[in-house]
Amino acid sequence: MDISRIHSILANKEKCDVFYEDRPVWIQGVNDNIAKVGFIDNFEEKDVFIQDLYERNLYN
């Protein structure tokens, strides 16, 4: 994922399925090339590189 897509997701009110290492996350914020994410399946938070985030392609 790139920084412009992350800003688009943060500015948009609709739900986007974003993943980190096959785990669903929500993006809490970004700073340079690092995103702070929260994991949907528990209360864990982590700082990750934005290029390690991805959206699942629903057509594959």
N, C-alpha and C. Protein backbone atom coordinates (compact mmCIF):
# COMPACT_ATOMS: atom_id res chain seq x y z
N MET A 1 0.86 -1.17 0.00
CA MET A 1 0.00 0.00 0.00
C MET A 1 0.90 1.23 0.00
N ASP A 2 0.40 2.32 -0.54
CA ASP A 2 1.20 3.55 -0.55
C ASP A 2 0.51 4.62 0.30
N ILE A 3 1.25 5.69 0.56
CA ILE A 3 0.79 6.74 1.47
C ILE A 3 -0.47 7.43 0.95
N SER A 4 -0.58 7.61 -0.36
CA SER A 4 -1.77 8.28 -0.87
C SER A 4 -3.03 7.43 -0.65
N ARG A 5 -2.90 6.10 -0.77
CA ARG A 5 -4.06 5.23 -0.51
C ARG A 5 -4.43 5.27 0.97
N ILE A 6 -3.46 5.31 1.85
CA ILE A 6 -3.75 5.40 3.28
C ILE A 6 -4.48 6.69 3.60
N HIS A 7 -4.04 7.81 3.04
CA HIS A 7 -4.73 9.08 3.28
C HIS A 7 -6.15 9.04 2.72
N SER A 8 -6.34 8.37 1.59
CA SER A 8 -7.67 8.21 1.02
C SER A 8 -8.57 7.40 1.95
N ILE A 9 -8.04 6.33 2.51
CA ILE A 9 -8.81 5.50 3.45
C ILE A 9 -9.16 6.30 4.70
N LEU A 10 -8.20 7.03 5.23
CA LEU A 10 -8.45 7.81 6.46
C LEU A 10 -9.47 8.92 6.23
N ALA A 11 -9.49 9.49 5.03
CA ALA A 11 -10.42 10.59 4.73
C ALA A 11 -11.82 10.07 4.37
N ASN A 12 -11.92 8.81 4.02
CA ASN A 12 -13.16 8.23 3.56
C ASN A 12 -13.93 7.63 4.74
N LYS A 13 -15.23 7.76 4.73
CA LYS A 13 -16.06 7.23 5.81
C LYS A 13 -16.43 5.77 5.62
N GLU A 14 -16.26 5.25 4.39
CA GLU A 14 -16.65 3.86 4.16
C GLU A 14 -15.60 2.89 4.71
N LYS A 15 -16.04 1.69 5.02
CA LYS A 15 -15.16 0.67 5.58
C LYS A 15 -14.28 0.08 4.49
N CYS A 16 -12.99 -0.05 4.77
CA CYS A 16 -12.05 -0.70 3.86
C CYS A 16 -11.39 -1.84 4.62
N ASP A 17 -11.27 -2.98 3.97
CA ASP A 17 -10.61 -4.13 4.59
C ASP A 17 -9.11 -4.04 4.35
N VAL A 18 -8.39 -3.70 5.42
CA VAL A 18 -6.94 -3.55 5.36
C VAL A 18 -6.32 -4.64 6.23
N PHE A 19 -5.22 -5.22 5.73
CA PHE A 19 -4.60 -6.34 6.43
C PHE A 19 -3.11 -6.11 6.63
N TYR A 20 -2.61 -6.73 7.69
CA TYR A 20 -1.17 -6.80 7.96
C TYR A 20 -0.89 -8.24 8.37
N GLU A 21 -0.04 -8.91 7.62
CA GLU A 21 0.30 -10.32 7.88
C GLU A 21 -0.96 -11.18 8.04
N ASP A 22 -1.89 -11.05 7.11
CA ASP A 22 -3.15 -11.81 7.08
C ASP A 22 -4.08 -11.53 8.25
N ARG A 23 -3.83 -10.47 9.00
CA ARG A 23 -4.71 -10.08 10.11
C ARG A 23 -5.37 -8.76 9.78
N PRO A 24 -6.69 -8.66 9.99
CA PRO A 24 -7.38 -7.40 9.71
C PRO A 24 -6.99 -6.32 10.72
N VAL A 25 -6.78 -5.11 10.21
CA VAL A 25 -6.37 -3.98 11.05
C VAL A 25 -7.17 -2.74 10.67
N TRP A 26 -7.17 -1.77 11.57
CA TRP A 26 -7.64 -0.44 11.22
C TRP A 26 -6.46 0.50 11.38
N ILE A 27 -6.39 1.47 10.51
CA ILE A 27 -5.28 2.42 10.53
C ILE A 27 -5.65 3.57 11.45
N GLN A 28 -4.84 3.79 12.47
CA GLN A 28 -5.11 4.85 13.44
C GLN A 28 -4.43 6.16 13.05
N GLY A 29 -3.33 6.07 12.32
CA GLY A 29 -2.63 7.27 11.90
C GLY A 29 -1.36 6.91 11.16
N VAL A 30 -0.75 7.92 10.53
CA VAL A 30 0.50 7.71 9.80
C VAL A 30 1.50 8.80 10.15
N ASN A 31 2.77 8.43 10.07
CA ASN A 31 3.87 9.35 10.28
C ASN A 31 4.98 8.92 9.35
N ASP A 32 5.23 9.70 8.30
CA ASP A 32 6.20 9.35 7.26
C ASP A 32 5.80 8.02 6.63
N ASN A 33 6.65 6.99 6.75
CA ASN A 33 6.34 5.70 6.13
C ASN A 33 5.89 4.65 7.16
N ILE A 34 5.49 5.11 8.33
CA ILE A 34 5.03 4.22 9.40
C ILE A 34 3.55 4.48 9.69
N ALA A 35 2.79 3.40 9.80
CA ALA A 35 1.37 3.51 10.17
C ALA A 35 1.17 2.87 11.53
N LYS A 36 0.38 3.53 12.36
CA LYS A 36 -0.03 2.93 13.63
C LYS A 36 -1.33 2.21 13.35
N VAL A 37 -1.35 0.90 13.62
CA VAL A 37 -2.54 0.10 13.35
C VAL A 37 -3.01 -0.57 14.62
N GLY A 38 -4.30 -0.84 14.65
CA GLY A 38 -4.89 -1.64 15.71
C GLY A 38 -5.44 -2.91 15.07
N PHE A 39 -5.23 -4.02 15.74
CA PHE A 39 -5.71 -5.29 15.21
C PHE A 39 -7.17 -5.49 15.60
N ILE A 40 -7.98 -5.90 14.63
CA ILE A 40 -9.41 -6.05 14.87
C ILE A 40 -9.70 -7.26 15.75
N ASP A 41 -8.84 -8.28 15.70
CA ASP A 41 -9.11 -9.51 16.45
C ASP A 41 -8.67 -9.47 17.91
N ASN A 42 -8.00 -8.39 18.34
CA ASN A 42 -7.65 -8.21 19.76
C ASN A 42 -7.33 -6.74 20.01
N PHE A 43 -6.78 -6.42 21.15
CA PHE A 43 -6.52 -5.03 21.50
C PHE A 43 -5.09 -4.59 21.22
N GLU A 44 -4.36 -5.40 20.48
CA GLU A 44 -2.96 -5.10 20.17
C GLU A 44 -2.85 -3.92 19.20
N GLU A 45 -1.85 -3.08 19.42
CA GLU A 45 -1.51 -1.99 18.51
C GLU A 45 -0.06 -2.17 18.10
N LYS A 46 0.26 -1.69 16.88
CA LYS A 46 1.62 -1.87 16.40
C LYS A 46 1.94 -0.79 15.37
N ASP A 47 3.19 -0.36 15.32
CA ASP A 47 3.68 0.53 14.27
C ASP A 47 4.28 -0.35 13.18
N VAL A 48 3.80 -0.18 11.94
CA VAL A 48 4.24 -1.01 10.82
C VAL A 48 4.59 -0.12 9.64
N PHE A 49 5.41 -0.64 8.74
CA PHE A 49 5.70 0.08 7.50
C PHE A 49 4.45 0.06 6.62
N ILE A 50 4.14 1.20 6.00
CA ILE A 50 2.92 1.26 5.19
C ILE A 50 2.97 0.30 4.01
N GLN A 51 4.16 0.00 3.48
CA GLN A 51 4.23 -0.93 2.36
C GLN A 51 3.88 -2.37 2.76
N ASP A 52 3.83 -2.66 4.07
CA ASP A 52 3.45 -3.99 4.53
C ASP A 52 1.93 -4.14 4.71
N LEU A 53 1.18 -3.06 4.52
CA LEU A 53 -0.28 -3.13 4.59
C LEU A 53 -0.83 -3.41 3.20
N TYR A 54 -1.96 -4.09 3.16
CA TYR A 54 -2.58 -4.38 1.86
C TYR A 54 -4.07 -4.54 2.01
N GLU A 55 -4.75 -4.40 0.88
CA GLU A 55 -6.17 -4.66 0.80
C GLU A 55 -6.35 -5.97 0.06
N ARG A 56 -7.26 -6.77 0.53
CA ARG A 56 -7.50 -8.06 -0.11
C ARG A 56 -8.29 -7.86 -1.39
N ASN A 57 -7.85 -8.50 -2.45
CA ASN A 57 -8.55 -8.42 -3.73
C ASN A 57 -9.71 -9.39 -3.70
N LEU A 58 -10.94 -8.87 -3.79
CA LEU A 58 -12.12 -9.68 -3.68
C LEU A 58 -12.40 -10.51 -4.93
N TYR A 59 -11.66 -10.26 -6.00
CA TYR A 59 -11.93 -10.95 -7.27
C TYR A 59 -11.02 -12.13 -7.53
N ASN A 60 -10.12 -12.45 -6.60
CA ASN A 60 -9.21 -13.59 -6.78
C ASN A 60 -9.68 -14.77 -5.97
